[in-house]
PDB file of all heavy atoms in Angstrom:
ATOM      1  N   HIS A   1      79.754  87.056  93.802  1.00  0.00           N
ATOM      2  CA  HIS A   1      80.475  88.092  94.530  1.00  0.00           C
ATOM      3  C   HIS A   1      81.809  88.433  93.883  1.00  0.00           C
ATOM      4  O   HIS A   1      82.653  89.064  94.487  1.00  0.00           O
ATOM      5  CB  HIS A   1      80.689  87.660  95.982  1.00  0.00           C
ATOM      6  CG  HIS A   1      79.415  87.544  96.750  1.00  0.00           C
ATOM      7  ND1 HIS A   1      79.193  86.556  97.704  1.00  0.00           N
ATOM      8  CD2 HIS A   1      78.271  88.277  96.705  1.00  0.00           C
ATOM      9  CE1 HIS A   1      77.983  86.698  98.204  1.00  0.00           C
ATOM     10  NE2 HIS A   1      77.396  87.728  97.614  1.00  0.00           N
ATOM     11  N   TRP A   2      81.993  87.990  92.625  1.00  0.00           N
ATOM     12  CA  TRP A   2      83.211  88.244  91.858  1.00  0.00           C
ATOM     13  C   TRP A   2      84.424  87.513  92.436  1.00  0.00           C
ATOM     14  O   TRP A   2      85.566  87.953  92.269  1.00  0.00           O
ATOM     15  CB  TRP A   2      83.496  89.741  91.712  1.00  0.00           C
ATOM     16  CG  TRP A   2      82.524  90.400  90.796  1.00  0.00           C
ATOM     17  CD1 TRP A   2      81.349  90.976  91.127  1.00  0.00           C
ATOM     18  CD2 TRP A   2      82.624  90.501  89.360  1.00  0.00           C
ATOM     19  NE1 TRP A   2      80.696  91.445  90.000  1.00  0.00           N
ATOM     20  CE2 TRP A   2      81.469  91.165  88.910  1.00  0.00           C
ATOM     21  CE3 TRP A   2      83.585  90.097  88.442  1.00  0.00           C
ATOM     22  CZ2 TRP A   2      81.236  91.426  87.559  1.00  0.00           C
ATOM     23  CZ3 TRP A   2      83.349  90.373  87.096  1.00  0.00           C
ATOM     24  CH2 TRP A   2      82.194  91.038  86.670  1.00  0.00           C
ATOM     25  N   ASN A   3      84.176  86.386  93.112  1.00  0.00           N
ATOM     26  CA  ASN A   3      85.274  85.524  93.527  1.00  0.00           C
ATOM     27  C   ASN A   3      85.623  84.576  92.387  1.00  0.00           C
ATOM     28  O   ASN A   3      84.736  83.964  91.789  1.00  0.00           O
ATOM     29  CB  ASN A   3      84.886  84.717  94.778  1.00  0.00           C
ATOM     30  CG  ASN A   3      84.657  85.603  95.978  1.00  0.00           C
ATOM     31  OD1 ASN A   3      85.428  86.539  96.221  1.00  0.00           O
ATOM     32  ND2 ASN A   3      83.607  85.343  96.728  1.00  0.00           N
ATOM     33  N   MET A   4      86.906  84.454  92.094  1.00  0.00           N
ATOM     34  CA  MET A   4      87.344  83.628  90.970  1.00  0.00           C
ATOM     35  C   MET A   4      87.204  82.150  91.310  1.00  0.00           C
ATOM     36  O   MET A   4      87.691  81.689  92.337  1.00  0.00           O
ATOM     37  CB  MET A   4      88.811  83.949  90.616  1.00  0.00           C
ATOM     38  CG  MET A   4      89.328  83.240  89.395  1.00  0.00           C
ATOM     39  SD  MET A   4      90.859  84.002  88.744  1.00  0.00           S
ATOM     40  CE  MET A   4      91.918  83.971  90.209  1.00  0.00           C
ATOM     41  N   VAL A   5      86.521  81.408  90.448  1.00  0.00           N
ATOM     42  CA  VAL A   5      86.338  79.970  90.662  1.00  0.00           C
ATOM     43  C   VAL A   5      87.108  79.135  89.637  1.00  0.00           C
ATOM     44  O   VAL A   5      87.315  77.940  89.831  1.00  0.00           O
ATOM     45  CB  VAL A   5      84.842  79.580  90.639  1.00  0.00           C
ATOM     46  CG1 VAL A   5      84.091  80.248  91.776  1.00  0.00           C
ATOM     47  CG2 VAL A   5      84.194  79.941  89.299  1.00  0.00           C
ATOM     48  N   ALA A   6      87.543  79.750  88.548  1.00  0.00           N
ATOM     49  CA  ALA A   6      88.340  79.048  87.538  1.00  0.00           C
ATOM     50  C   ALA A   6      88.990  80.104  86.644  1.00  0.00           C
ATOM     51  O   ALA A   6      88.505  81.226  86.526  1.00  0.00           O
ATOM     52  CB  ALA A   6      87.477  78.106  86.709  1.00  0.00           C
ATOM     53  N   ALA A   7      90.099  79.709  86.008  1.00  0.00           N
ATOM     54  CA  ALA A   7      90.791  80.629  85.109  1.00  0.00           C
ATOM     55  C   ALA A   7      91.643  79.830  84.140  1.00  0.00           C
ATOM     56  O   ALA A   7      92.011  78.680  84.412  1.00  0.00           O
ATOM     57  CB  ALA A   7      91.667  81.600  85.905  1.00  0.00           C
ATOM     58  N   ASN A   8      91.962  80.437  83.005  1.00  0.00           N
ATOM     59  CA  ASN A   8      92.858  79.768  82.068  1.00  0.00           C
ATOM     60  C   ASN A   8      94.308  80.194  82.323  1.00  0.00           C
ATOM     61  O   ASN A   8      94.584  81.071  83.148  1.00  0.00           O
ATOM     62  CB  ASN A   8      92.442  80.009  80.607  1.00  0.00           C
ATOM     63  CG  ASN A   8      92.581  81.462  80.175  1.00  0.00           C
ATOM     64  OD1 ASN A   8      93.175  82.290  80.855  1.00  0.00           O
ATOM     65  ND2 ASN A   8      92.012  81.781  79.004  1.00  0.00           N
ATOM     66  N   ALA A   9      95.232  79.569  81.622  1.00  0.00           N
ATOM     67  CA  ALA A   9      96.652  79.808  81.869  1.00  0.00           C
ATOM     68  C   ALA A   9      97.058  81.239  81.563  1.00  0.00           C
ATOM     69  O   ALA A   9      97.984  81.780  82.174  1.00  0.00           O
ATOM     70  CB  ALA A   9      97.484  78.830  81.043  1.00  0.00           C
ATOM     71  N   ALA A  10      96.366  81.878  80.609  1.00  0.00           N
ATOM     72  CA  ALA A  10      96.744  83.223  80.188  1.00  0.00           C
ATOM     73  C   ALA A  10      96.468  84.285  81.248  1.00  0.00           C
ATOM     74  O   ALA A  10      96.978  85.405  81.161  1.00  0.00           O
ATOM     75  CB  ALA A  10      96.021  83.585  78.885  1.00  0.00           C
ATOM     76  N   VAL A  11      95.680  83.952  82.276  1.00  0.00           N
ATOM     77  CA  VAL A  11      95.379  84.917  83.337  1.00  0.00           C
ATOM     78  C   VAL A  11      96.634  85.323  84.096  1.00  0.00           C
ATOM     79  O   VAL A  11      96.679  86.380  84.736  1.00  0.00           O
ATOM     80  CB  VAL A  11      94.295  84.352  84.288  1.00  0.00           C
ATOM     81  CG1 VAL A  11      94.229  85.113  85.598  1.00  0.00           C
ATOM     82  CG2 VAL A  11      92.924  84.403  83.607  1.00  0.00           C
ATOM     83  N   THR A  12      97.675  84.500  84.029  1.00  0.00           N
ATOM     84  CA  THR A  12      98.905  84.817  84.761  1.00  0.00           C
ATOM     85  C   THR A  12      99.499  86.154  84.345  1.00  0.00           C
ATOM     86  O   THR A  12     100.168  86.800  85.147  1.00  0.00           O
ATOM     87  CB  THR A  12      99.958  83.710  84.566  1.00  0.00           C
ATOM     88  OG1 THR A  12     100.196  83.522  83.159  1.00  0.00           O
ATOM     89  CG2 THR A  12      99.499  82.408  85.186  1.00  0.00           C
ATOM     90  N   ILE A  13      99.258  86.581  83.106  1.00  0.00           N
ATOM     91  CA  ILE A  13      99.790  87.880  82.685  1.00  0.00           C
ATOM     92  C   ILE A  13      99.150  89.026  83.481  1.00  0.00           C
ATOM     93  O   ILE A  13      99.738  90.097  83.643  1.00  0.00           O
ATOM     94  CB  ILE A  13      99.591  88.105  81.172  1.00  0.00           C
ATOM     95  CG1 ILE A  13     100.478  89.267  80.698  1.00  0.00           C
ATOM     96  CG2 ILE A  13      98.134  88.389  80.824  1.00  0.00           C
ATOM     97  CD1 ILE A  13     100.539  89.425  79.206  1.00  0.00           C
ATOM     98  N   LEU A  14      97.944  88.776  84.014  1.00  0.00           N
ATOM     99  CA  LEU A  14      97.267  89.779  84.833  1.00  0.00           C
ATOM    100  C   LEU A  14      97.638  89.660  86.301  1.00  0.00           C
ATOM    101  O   LEU A  14      97.516  90.632  87.049  1.00  0.00           O
ATOM    102  CB  LEU A  14      95.746  89.632  84.692  1.00  0.00           C
ATOM    103  CG  LEU A  14      95.142  89.845  83.298  1.00  0.00           C
ATOM    104  CD1 LEU A  14      93.651  89.538  83.321  1.00  0.00           C
ATOM    105  CD2 LEU A  14      95.384  91.258  82.803  1.00  0.00           C
ATOM    106  N   THR A  15      98.067  88.496  86.745  1.00  0.00           N
ATOM    107  CA  THR A  15      98.263  88.253  88.179  1.00  0.00           C
ATOM    108  C   THR A  15      99.712  88.088  88.605  1.00  0.00           C
ATOM    109  O   THR A  15      99.984  88.010  89.802  1.00  0.00           O
ATOM    110  CB  THR A  15      97.494  86.988  88.602  1.00  0.00           C
ATOM    111  OG1 THR A  15      97.990  85.849  87.877  1.00  0.00           O
ATOM    112  CG2 THR A  15      96.007  87.141  88.358  1.00  0.00           C
ATOM    113  N   GLU A  16     100.654  88.060  87.679  1.00  0.00           N
ATOM    114  CA  GLU A  16     102.029  87.698  88.048  1.00  0.00           C
ATOM    115  C   GLU A  16     102.688  88.701  88.984  1.00  0.00           C
ATOM    116  O   GLU A  16     103.645  88.358  89.698  1.00  0.00           O
ATOM    117  CB  GLU A  16     102.887  87.492  86.803  1.00  0.00           C
ATOM    118  CG  GLU A  16     102.966  88.684  85.872  1.00  0.00           C
ATOM    119  CD  GLU A  16     103.650  88.332  84.558  1.00  0.00           C
ATOM    120  OE1 GLU A  16     104.350  87.317  84.505  1.00  0.00           O
ATOM    121  OE2 GLU A  16     103.469  89.079  83.584  1.00  0.00           O
ATOM    122  N   GLN A  17     102.231  89.956  89.016  1.00  0.00           N
ATOM    123  CA  GLN A  17     102.809  90.949  89.920  1.00  0.00           C
ATOM    124  C   GLN A  17     101.889  91.273  91.104  1.00  0.00           C
ATOM    125  O   GLN A  17     102.178  92.159  91.893  1.00  0.00           O
ATOM    126  CB  GLN A  17     103.126  92.226  89.153  1.00  0.00           C
ATOM    127  CG  GLN A  17     104.151  92.049  88.047  1.00  0.00           C
ATOM    128  CD  GLN A  17     104.459  93.365  87.350  1.00  0.00           C
ATOM    129  OE1 GLN A  17     105.142  94.234  87.896  1.00  0.00           O
ATOM    130  NE2 GLN A  17     103.949  93.516  86.134  1.00  0.00           N
ATOM    131  N   VAL A  18     100.795  90.534  91.217  1.00  0.00           N
ATOM    132  CA  VAL A  18      99.836  90.745  92.305  1.00  0.00           C
ATOM    133  C   VAL A  18     100.332  90.071  93.575  1.00  0.00           C
ATOM    134  O   VAL A  18     100.926  88.977  93.529  1.00  0.00           O
ATOM    135  CB  VAL A  18      98.448  90.193  91.903  1.00  0.00           C
ATOM    136  CG1 VAL A  18      97.487  90.191  93.076  1.00  0.00           C
ATOM    137  CG2 VAL A  18      97.883  91.000  90.749  1.00  0.00           C
ATOM    138  N   SER A  19     100.084  90.679  94.720  1.00  0.00           N
ATOM    139  CA  SER A  19     100.470  90.090  95.999  1.00  0.00           C
ATOM    140  C   SER A  19      99.842  88.712  96.162  1.00  0.00           C
ATOM    141  O   SER A  19      98.643  88.557  95.947  1.00  0.00           O
ATOM    142  CB  SER A  19     100.021  90.983  97.147  1.00  0.00           C
ATOM    143  OG  SER A  19     100.143  90.326  98.396  1.00  0.00           O
ATOM    144  N   PRO A  20     100.644  87.704  96.558  1.00  0.00           N
ATOM    145  CA  PRO A  20     100.087  86.341  96.753  1.00  0.00           C
ATOM    146  C   PRO A  20      98.914  86.317  97.727  1.00  0.00           C
ATOM    147  O   PRO A  20      98.019  85.480  97.596  1.00  0.00           O
ATOM    148  CB  PRO A  20     101.280  85.567  97.303  1.00  0.00           C
ATOM    149  CG  PRO A  20     102.485  86.282  96.760  1.00  0.00           C
ATOM    150  CD  PRO A  20     102.104  87.735  96.764  1.00  0.00           C
ATOM    151  N   ALA A  21      98.905  87.232  98.693  1.00  0.00           N
ATOM    152  CA  ALA A  21      97.814  87.251  99.676  1.00  0.00           C
ATOM    153  C   ALA A  21      96.476  87.507  99.009  1.00  0.00           C
ATOM    154  O   ALA A  21      95.449  86.954  99.425  1.00  0.00           O
ATOM    155  CB  ALA A  21      98.084  88.308 100.742  1.00  0.00           C
ATOM    156  N   LEU A  22      96.455  88.331  97.963  1.00  0.00           N
ATOM    157  CA  LEU A  22      95.211  88.633  97.253  1.00  0.00           C
ATOM    158  C   LEU A  22      94.753  87.473  96.385  1.00  0.00           C
ATOM    159  O   LEU A  22      93.592  87.428  95.973  1.00  0.00           O
ATOM    160  CB  LEU A  22      95.377  89.877  96.382  1.00  0.00           C
ATOM    161  CG  LEU A  22      95.507  91.216  97.120  1.00  0.00           C
ATOM    162  CD1 LEU A  22      95.805  92.333  96.136  1.00  0.00           C
ATOM    163  CD2 LEU A  22      94.246  91.527  97.917  1.00  0.00           C
ATOM    164  N   LEU A  23      95.662  86.549  96.092  1.00  0.00           N
ATOM    165  CA  LEU A  23      95.321  85.416  95.225  1.00  0.00           C
ATOM    166  C   LEU A  23      94.881  84.188  96.020  1.00  0.00           C
ATOM    167  O   LEU A  23      94.488  83.178  95.435  1.00  0.00           O
ATOM    168  CB  LEU A  23      96.522  85.055  94.347  1.00  0.00           C
ATOM    169  CG  LEU A  23      97.006  86.166  93.411  1.00  0.00           C
ATOM    170  CD1 LEU A  23      98.236  85.718  92.642  1.00  0.00           C
ATOM    171  CD2 LEU A  23      95.901  86.585  92.446  1.00  0.00           C
ATOM    172  N   GLU A  24      94.937  84.297  97.357  1.00  0.00           N
ATOM    173  CA  GLU A  24      94.472  83.196  98.188  1.00  0.00           C
ATOM    174  C   GLU A  24      92.956  83.064  98.070  1.00  0.00           C
ATOM    175  O   GLU A  24      92.238  84.072  98.106  1.00  0.00           O
ATOM    176  CB  GLU A  24      94.843  83.425  99.660  1.00  0.00           C
ATOM    177  CG  GLU A  24      96.319  83.277  99.963  1.00  0.00           C
ATOM    178  CD  GLU A  24      96.786  81.852  99.861  1.00  0.00           C
ATOM    179  OE1 GLU A  24      95.985  80.936 100.160  1.00  0.00           O
ATOM    180  OE2 GLU A  24      97.941  81.636  99.454  1.00  0.00           O
ATOM    181  N   PRO A  25      92.437  81.838  97.911  1.00  0.00           N
ATOM    182  CA  PRO A  25      90.987  81.658  97.806  1.00  0.00           C
ATOM    183  C   PRO A  25      90.264  82.141  99.060  1.00  0.00           C
ATOM    184  O   PRO A  25      90.778  81.936 100.165  1.00  0.00           O
ATOM    185  CB  PRO A  25      90.836  80.143  97.627  1.00  0.00           C
ATOM    186  CG  PRO A  25      92.165  79.697  97.099  1.00  0.00           C
ATOM    187  CD  PRO A  25      93.171  80.576  97.763  1.00  0.00           C
ATOM    188  N   PRO A  26      89.113  82.782  98.925  1.00  0.00           N
ATOM    189  CA  PRO A  26      88.490  83.171  97.652  1.00  0.00           C
ATOM    190  C   PRO A  26      89.104  84.456  97.117  1.00  0.00           C
ATOM    191  O   PRO A  26      89.026  85.513  97.768  1.00  0.00           O
ATOM    192  CB  PRO A  26      87.021  83.379  98.037  1.00  0.00           C
ATOM    193  CG  PRO A  26      87.089  83.832  99.475  1.00  0.00           C
ATOM    194  CD  PRO A  26      88.272  83.135 100.080  1.00  0.00           C
ATOM    195  N   ALA A  27      89.725  84.389  95.957  1.00  0.00           N
ATOM    196  CA  ALA A  27      90.361  85.546  95.339  1.00  0.00           C
ATOM    197  C   ALA A  27      89.308  86.379  94.618  1.00  0.00           C
ATOM    198  O   ALA A  27      88.681  85.900  93.675  1.00  0.00           O
ATOM    199  CB  ALA A  27      91.456  85.091  94.363  1.00  0.00           C
ATOM    200  N   ASN A  28      89.129  87.602  95.077  1.00  0.00           N
ATOM    201  CA  ASN A  28      88.112  88.468  94.489  1.00  0.00           C
ATOM    202  C   ASN A  28      88.730  89.289  93.358  1.00  0.00           C
ATOM    203  O   ASN A  28      89.654  90.073  93.594  1.00  0.00           O
ATOM    204  CB  ASN A  28      87.512  89.382  95.550  1.00  0.00           C
ATOM    205  CG  ASN A  28      86.345  90.178  95.037  1.00  0.00           C
ATOM    206  OD1 ASN A  28      86.500  91.198  94.395  1.00  0.00           O
ATOM    207  ND2 ASN A  28      85.130  89.688  95.303  1.00  0.00           N
ATOM    208  N   VAL A  29      88.219  89.136  92.151  1.00  0.00           N
ATOM    209  CA  VAL A  29      88.873  89.760  90.996  1.00  0.00           C
ATOM    210  C   VAL A  29      88.731  91.288  91.000  1.00  0.00           C
ATOM    211  O   VAL A  29      89.606  91.991  90.482  1.00  0.00           O
ATOM    212  CB  VAL A  29      88.345  89.161  89.673  1.00  0.00           C
ATOM    213  CG1 VAL A  29      88.625  87.671  89.614  1.00  0.00           C
ATOM    214  CG2 VAL A  29      86.876  89.449  89.470  1.00  0.00           C
TER     215      VAL A  29
END
C-alpha cells in the first residue's frame, strides 16, 4: 500500500520539510 517500512539516511533530504504528522507510522510515501 506504499507504506514506508524502511529507509536510508539520505531520505531525510526528501522529508525534512514534511509535516511530522505525515511521517507517523504507517507513513504513506
